[in-house]
Amino acid sequence: MAAELTDEEKSKDVFFQRIALIGEEMIAAHGREFATGAFVLAARWISEGRMGAKVKPKSDTEAAPRPN
């Protein structure tokens, strides 16, 4: 007998289905590398608390840090 999903599990499942559809659309439009990169960036922004945040653009005179 299969266990019944909780409301939280059902909600998460809906989000996973939506993510899958978005991924399929991105792959069809721009390829697998783009879709993967977009999801990696989104995960990074979420973990940094930047998703949806309004980030103030840097001025042209401000020096950007260079990666090592």
PDB file of N, CA and C in Angstrom:
ATOM      1  N   MET A   1       0.842  -1.175   0.000  1.00  0.00           N
ATOM      2  CA  MET A   1       0.000   0.000   0.000  1.00  0.00           C
ATOM      3  C   MET A   1       0.894   1.248   0.000  1.00  0.00           C
ATOM      4  N   ALA A   2       0.605   2.185  -0.914  1.00  0.00           N
ATOM      5  CA  ALA A   2       1.397   3.404  -1.044  1.00  0.00           C
ATOM      6  C   ALA A   2       0.988   4.405   0.031  1.00  0.00           C
ATOM      7  N   ALA A   3       1.983   5.080   0.558  1.00  0.00           N
ATOM      8  CA  ALA A   3       1.723   6.101   1.579  1.00  0.00           C
ATOM      9  C   ALA A   3       1.155   7.347   0.914  1.00  0.00           C
ATOM     10  N   GLU A   4       0.217   7.991   1.576  1.00  0.00           N
ATOM     11  CA  GLU A   4      -0.382   9.233   1.088  1.00  0.00           C
ATOM     12  C   GLU A   4       0.614  10.385   1.294  1.00  0.00           C
ATOM     13  N   LEU A   5       0.738  11.245   0.276  1.00  0.00           N
ATOM     14  CA  LEU A   5       1.621  12.402   0.398  1.00  0.00           C
ATOM     15  C   LEU A   5       1.000  13.439   1.315  1.00  0.00           C
ATOM     16  N   THR A   6       1.855  14.122   2.054  1.00  0.00           N
ATOM     17  CA  THR A   6       1.381  15.223   2.898  1.00  0.00           C
ATOM     18  C   THR A   6       1.088  16.430   2.006  1.00  0.00           C
ATOM     19  N   ASP A   7       0.404  17.426   2.561  1.00  0.00           N
ATOM     20  CA  ASP A   7       0.134  18.650   1.809  1.00  0.00           C
ATOM     21  C   ASP A   7       1.433  19.325   1.385  1.00  0.00           C
ATOM     22  N   GLU A   8       2.427  19.316   2.269  1.00  0.00           N
ATOM     23  CA  GLU A   8       3.717  19.918   1.926  1.00  0.00           C
ATOM     24  C   GLU A   8       4.383  19.168   0.780  1.00  0.00           C
ATOM     25  N   GLU A   9       4.351  17.847   0.818  1.00  0.00           N
ATOM     26  CA  GLU A   9       4.942  17.046  -0.260  1.00  0.00           C
ATOM     27  C   GLU A   9       4.223  17.280  -1.584  1.00  0.00           C
ATOM     28  N   LYS A  10       2.899  17.400  -1.542  1.00  0.00           N
ATOM     29  CA  LYS A  10       2.132  17.686  -2.751  1.00  0.00           C
ATOM     30  C   LYS A  10       2.500  19.051  -3.310  1.00  0.00           C
ATOM     31  N   SER A  11       2.650  20.036  -2.439  1.00  0.00           N
ATOM     32  CA  SER A  11       3.023  21.381  -2.859  1.00  0.00           C
ATOM     33  C   SER A  11       4.404  21.379  -3.514  1.00  0.00           C
ATOM     34  N   LYS A  12       5.350  20.689  -2.894  1.00  0.00           N
ATOM     35  CA  LYS A  12       6.704  20.609  -3.451  1.00  0.00           C
ATOM     36  C   LYS A  12       6.690  19.909  -4.806  1.00  0.00           C
ATOM     37  N   ASP A  13       5.863  18.871  -4.950  1.00  0.00           N
ATOM     38  CA  ASP A  13       5.759  18.145  -6.203  1.00  0.00           C
ATOM     39  C   ASP A  13       5.273  19.064  -7.328  1.00  0.00           C
ATOM     40  N   VAL A  14       4.324  19.941  -7.014  1.00  0.00           N
ATOM     41  CA  VAL A  14       3.830  20.899  -8.009  1.00  0.00           C
ATOM     42  C   VAL A  14       4.963  21.818  -8.458  1.00  0.00           C
ATOM     43  N   PHE A  15       5.773  22.290  -7.524  1.00  0.00           N
ATOM     44  CA  PHE A  15       6.903  23.146  -7.889  1.00  0.00           C
ATOM     45  C   PHE A  15       7.912  22.400  -8.762  1.00  0.00           C
ATOM     46  N   PHE A  16       8.204  21.145  -8.428  1.00  0.00           N
ATOM     47  CA  PHE A  16       9.132  20.357  -9.251  1.00  0.00           C
ATOM     48  C   PHE A  16       8.588  20.170 -10.664  1.00  0.00           C
ATOM     49  N   GLN A  17       7.295  19.983 -10.794  1.00  0.00           N
ATOM     50  CA  GLN A  17       6.695  19.853 -12.120  1.00  0.00           C
ATOM     51  C   GLN A  17       6.838  21.149 -12.902  1.00  0.00           C
ATOM     52  N   ARG A  18       6.630  22.286 -12.240  1.00  0.00           N
ATOM     53  CA  ARG A  18       6.777  23.586 -12.902  1.00  0.00           C
ATOM     54  C   ARG A  18       8.222  23.830 -13.312  1.00  0.00           C
ATOM     55  N   ILE A  19       9.164  23.471 -12.425  1.00  0.00           N
ATOM     56  CA  ILE A  19      10.590  23.624 -12.750  1.00  0.00           C
ATOM     57  C   ILE A  19      10.947  22.782 -13.968  1.00  0.00           C
ATOM     58  N   ALA A  20      10.438  21.554 -14.019  1.00  0.00           N
ATOM     59  CA  ALA A  20      10.717  20.669 -15.154  1.00  0.00           C
ATOM     60  C   ALA A  20      10.200  21.271 -16.454  1.00  0.00           C
ATOM     61  N   LEU A  21       9.004  21.832 -16.433  1.00  0.00           N
ATOM     62  CA  LEU A  21       8.445  22.447 -17.636  1.00  0.00           C
ATOM     63  C   LEU A  21       9.269  23.648 -18.080  1.00  0.00           C
ATOM     64  N   ILE A  22       9.677  24.475 -17.136  1.00  0.00           N
ATOM     65  CA  ILE A  22      10.512  25.629 -17.471  1.00  0.00           C
ATOM     66  C   ILE A  22      11.836  25.156 -18.068  1.00  0.00           C
ATOM     67  N   GLY A  23      12.419  24.131 -17.474  1.00  0.00           N
ATOM     68  CA  GLY A  23      13.665  23.575 -18.001  1.00  0.00           C
ATOM     69  C   GLY A  23      13.510  23.074 -19.428  1.00  0.00           C
ATOM     70  N   GLU A  24      12.419  22.374 -19.691  1.00  0.00           N
ATOM     71  CA  GLU A  24      12.173  21.880 -21.048  1.00  0.00           C
ATOM     72  C   GLU A  24      12.036  23.026 -22.040  1.00  0.00           C
ATOM     73  N   GLU A  25      11.338  24.094 -21.627  1.00  0.00           N
ATOM     74  CA  GLU A  25      11.190  25.265 -22.491  1.00  0.00           C
ATOM     75  C   GLU A  25      12.527  25.926 -22.775  1.00  0.00           C
ATOM     76  N   MET A  26      13.361  26.067 -21.738  1.00  0.00           N
ATOM     77  CA  MET A  26      14.671  26.703 -21.922  1.00  0.00           C
ATOM     78  C   MET A  26      15.555  25.861 -22.829  1.00  0.00           C
ATOM     79  N   ILE A  27      15.532  24.538 -22.661  1.00  0.00           N
ATOM     80  CA  ILE A  27      16.331  23.657 -23.512  1.00  0.00           C
ATOM     81  C   ILE A  27      15.879  23.776 -24.961  1.00  0.00           C
ATOM     82  N   ALA A  28      14.573  23.766 -25.185  1.00  0.00           N
ATOM     83  CA  ALA A  28      14.051  23.867 -26.546  1.00  0.00           C
ATOM     84  C   ALA A  28      14.435  25.197 -27.195  1.00  0.00           C
ATOM     85  N   ALA A  29      14.424  26.266 -26.426  1.00  0.00           N
ATOM     86  CA  ALA A  29      14.703  27.593 -26.979  1.00  0.00           C
ATOM     87  C   ALA A  29      16.188  27.901 -27.095  1.00  0.00           C
ATOM     88  N   HIS A  30      16.994  27.444 -26.103  1.00  0.00           N
ATOM     89  CA  HIS A  30      18.386  27.907 -26.044  1.00  0.00           C
ATOM     90  C   HIS A  30      19.409  26.809 -25.783  1.00  0.00           C
ATOM     91  N   GLY A  31      18.978  25.586 -25.586  1.00  0.00           N
ATOM     92  CA  GLY A  31      19.917  24.486 -25.398  1.00  0.00           C
ATOM     93  C   GLY A  31      20.125  24.104 -23.940  1.00  0.00           C
ATOM     94  N   ARG A  32      20.685  22.916 -23.779  1.00  0.00           N
ATOM     95  CA  ARG A  32      20.901  22.325 -22.457  1.00  0.00           C
ATOM     96  C   ARG A  32      21.885  23.133 -21.610  1.00  0.00           C
ATOM     97  N   GLU A  33      22.953  23.653 -22.228  1.00  0.00           N
ATOM     98  CA  GLU A  33      23.945  24.419 -21.462  1.00  0.00           C
ATOM     99  C   GLU A  33      23.333  25.680 -20.865  1.00  0.00           C
ATOM    100  N   PHE A  34      22.509  26.376 -21.639  1.00  0.00           N
ATOM    101  CA  PHE A  34      21.850  27.578 -21.119  1.00  0.00           C
ATOM    102  C   PHE A  34      20.947  27.232 -19.946  1.00  0.00           C
ATOM    103  N   ALA A  35      20.131  26.207 -20.114  1.00  0.00           N
ATOM    104  CA  ALA A  35      19.193  25.825 -19.053  1.00  0.00           C
ATOM    105  C   ALA A  35      19.943  25.445 -17.783  1.00  0.00           C
ATOM    106  N   THR A  36      20.996  24.668 -17.933  1.00  0.00           N
ATOM    107  CA  THR A  36      21.787  24.271 -16.770  1.00  0.00           C
ATOM    108  C   THR A  36      22.392  25.493 -16.091  1.00  0.00           C
ATOM    109  N   GLY A  37      22.981  26.372 -16.865  1.00  0.00           N
ATOM    110  CA  GLY A  37      23.588  27.575 -16.306  1.00  0.00           C
ATOM    111  C   GLY A  37      22.574  28.456 -15.602  1.00  0.00           C
ATOM    112  N   ALA A  38      21.394  28.587 -16.189  1.00  0.00           N
ATOM    113  CA  ALA A  38      20.354  29.412 -15.579  1.00  0.00           C
ATOM    114  C   ALA A  38      19.925  28.835 -14.230  1.00  0.00           C
ATOM    115  N   PHE A  39      19.774  27.520 -14.161  1.00  0.00           N
ATOM    116  CA  PHE A  39      19.382  26.909 -12.891  1.00  0.00           C
ATOM    117  C   PHE A  39      20.498  26.985 -11.851  1.00  0.00           C
ATOM    118  N   VAL A  40      21.734  26.864 -12.283  1.00  0.00           N
ATOM    119  CA  VAL A  40      22.861  26.997 -11.348  1.00  0.00           C
ATOM    120  C   VAL A  40      22.908  28.416 -10.787  1.00  0.00           C
ATOM    121  N   LEU A  41      22.757  29.415 -11.657  1.00  0.00           N
ATOM    122  CA  LEU A  41      22.745  30.799 -11.185  1.00  0.00           C
ATOM    123  C   LEU A  41      21.568  31.050 -10.245  1.00  0.00           C
ATOM    124  N   ALA A  42      20.407  30.527 -10.590  1.00  0.00           N
ATOM    125  CA  ALA A  42      19.240  30.709  -9.722  1.00  0.00           C
ATOM    126  C   ALA A  42      19.484  30.087  -8.354  1.00  0.00           C
ATOM    127  N   ALA A  43      20.081  28.895  -8.321  1.00  0.00           N
ATOM    128  CA  ALA A  43      20.382  28.247  -7.038  1.00  0.00           C
ATOM    129  C   ALA A  43      21.359  29.093  -6.232  1.00  0.00           C
ATOM    130  N   ARG A  44      22.350  29.648  -6.905  1.00  0.00           N
ATOM    131  CA  ARG A  44      23.323  30.499  -6.210  1.00  0.00           C
ATOM    132  C   ARG A  44      22.641  31.735  -5.632  1.00  0.00           C
ATOM    133  N   TRP A  45      21.806  32.380  -6.447  1.00  0.00           N
ATOM    134  CA  TRP A  45      21.126  33.590  -5.988  1.00  0.00           C
ATOM    135  C   TRP A  45      20.190  33.283  -4.826  1.00  0.00           C
ATOM    136  N   ILE A  46      19.510  32.157  -4.886  1.00  0.00           N
ATOM    137  CA  ILE A  46      18.623  31.766  -3.785  1.00  0.00           C
ATOM    138  C   ILE A  46      19.443  31.573  -2.511  1.00  0.00           C
ATOM    139  N   SER A  47      20.567  30.854  -2.610  1.00  0.00           N
ATOM    140  CA  SER A  47      21.383  30.586  -1.423  1.00  0.00           C
ATOM    141  C   SER A  47      21.990  31.861  -0.854  1.00  0.00           C
ATOM    142  N   GLU A  48      22.215  32.855  -1.713  1.00  0.00           N
ATOM    143  CA  GLU A  48      22.774  34.132  -1.264  1.00  0.00           C
ATOM    144  C   GLU A  48      21.689  35.127  -0.848  1.00  0.00           C
ATOM    145  N   GLY A  49      20.428  34.737  -0.969  1.00  0.00           N
ATOM    146  CA  GLY A  49      19.332  35.631  -0.616  1.00  0.00           C
ATOM    147  C   GLY A  49      19.130  36.758  -1.610  1.00  0.00           C
ATOM    148  N   ARG A  50      19.569  36.563  -2.848  1.00  0.00           N
ATOM    149  CA  ARG A  50      19.487  37.616  -3.863  1.00  0.00           C
ATOM    150  C   ARG A  50      18.344  37.411  -4.847  1.00  0.00           C
ATOM    151  N   MET A  51      17.605  36.343  -4.739  1.00  0.00           N
ATOM    152  CA  MET A  51      16.553  36.070  -5.711  1.00  0.00           C
ATOM    153  C   MET A  51      15.458  37.104  -5.581  1.00  0.00           C
ATOM    154  N   GLY A  52      15.234  37.842  -6.654  1.00  0.00           N
ATOM    155  CA  GLY A  52      14.204  38.860  -6.657  1.00  0.00           C
ATOM    156  C   GLY A  52      14.606  40.154  -5.988  1.00  0.00           C
ATOM    157  N   ALA A  53      15.811  40.199  -5.424  1.00  0.00           N
ATOM    158  CA  ALA A  53      16.266  41.415  -4.748  1.00  0.00           C
ATOM    159  C   ALA A  53      16.625  42.469  -5.785  1.00  0.00           C
ATOM    160  N   LYS A  54      16.351  43.694  -5.455  1.00  0.00           N
ATOM    161  CA  LYS A  54      16.745  44.791  -6.325  1.00  0.00           C
ATOM    162  C   LYS A  54      18.181  45.176  -5.963  1.00  0.00           C
ATOM    163  N   VAL A  55      19.089  44.837  -6.845  1.00  0.00           N
ATOM    164  CA  VAL A  55      20.507  45.093  -6.608  1.00  0.00           C
ATOM    165  C   VAL A  55      20.861  46.425  -7.244  1.00  0.00           C
ATOM    166  N   LYS A  56      21.491  47.284  -6.464  1.00  0.00           N
ATOM    167  CA  LYS A  56      21.916  48.591  -6.958  1.00  0.00           C
ATOM    168  C   LYS A  56      23.080  48.388  -7.926  1.00  0.00           C
ATOM    169  N   PRO A  57      22.958  48.905  -9.162  1.00  0.00           N
ATOM    170  CA  PRO A  57      24.060  48.742 -10.112  1.00  0.00           C
ATOM    171  C   PRO A  57      25.290  49.517  -9.670  1.00  0.00           C
ATOM    172  N   LYS A  58      26.457  48.955  -9.963  1.00  0.00           N
ATOM    173  CA  LYS A  58      27.707  49.624  -9.626  1.00  0.00           C
ATOM    174  C   LYS A  58      27.921  50.780 -10.585  1.00  0.00           C
ATOM    175  N   SER A  59      28.550  51.831 -10.094  1.00  0.00           N
ATOM    176  CA  SER A  59      28.870  52.962 -10.974  1.00  0.00           C
ATOM    177  C   SER A  59      30.013  52.575 -11.879  1.00  0.00           C
ATOM    178  N   ASP A  60      30.101  53.264 -13.003  1.00  0.00           N
ATOM    179  CA  ASP A  60      31.164  52.963 -13.966  1.00  0.00           C
ATOM    180  C   ASP A  60      32.546  53.253 -13.404  1.00  0.00           C
ATOM    181  N   THR A  61      32.636  54.149 -12.428  1.00  0.00           N
ATOM    182  CA  THR A  61      33.925  54.533 -11.889  1.00  0.00           C
ATOM    183  C   THR A  61      34.398  53.591 -10.796  1.00  0.00           C
ATOM    184  N   GLU A  62      33.486  52.775 -10.262  1.00  0.00           N
ATOM    185  CA  GLU A  62      33.853  51.851  -9.186  1.00  0.00           C
ATOM    186  C   GLU A  62      34.572  50.638  -9.779  1.00  0.00           C
ATOM    187  N   ALA A  63      35.716  50.325  -9.247  1.00  0.00           N
ATOM    188  CA  ALA A  63      36.497  49.196  -9.741  1.00  0.00           C
ATOM    189  C   ALA A  63      35.857  47.883  -9.288  1.00  0.00           C
ATOM    190  N   ALA A  64      35.663  46.998 -10.234  1.00  0.00           N
ATOM    191  CA  ALA A  64      35.108  45.687  -9.916  1.00  0.00           C
ATOM    192  C   ALA A  64      36.227  44.762  -9.458  1.00  0.00           C
ATOM    193  N   PRO A  65      35.987  43.936  -8.434  1.00  0.00           N
ATOM    194  CA  PRO A  65      37.014  42.994  -8.009  1.00  0.00           C
ATOM    195  C   PRO A  65      37.269  41.945  -9.102  1.00  0.00           C
ATOM    196  N   ARG A  66      38.494  41.617  -9.278  1.00  0.00           N
ATOM    197  CA  ARG A  66      38.879  40.627 -10.285  1.00  0.00           C
ATOM    198  C   ARG A  66      38.939  39.235  -9.657  1.00  0.00           C
ATOM    199  N   PRO A  67      38.400  38.215 -10.385  1.00  0.00           N
ATOM    200  CA  PRO A  67      38.497  36.850  -9.849  1.00  0.00           C
ATOM    201  C   PRO A  67      39.942  36.374  -9.864  1.00  0.00           C
ATOM    202  N   ASN A  68      40.283  35.506  -8.935  1.00  0.00           N
ATOM    203  CA  ASN A  68      41.653  34.968  -8.861  1.00  0.00           C
ATOM    204  C   ASN A  68      41.876  33.897  -9.879  1.00  0.00           C
TER     205      ASN A  68
END
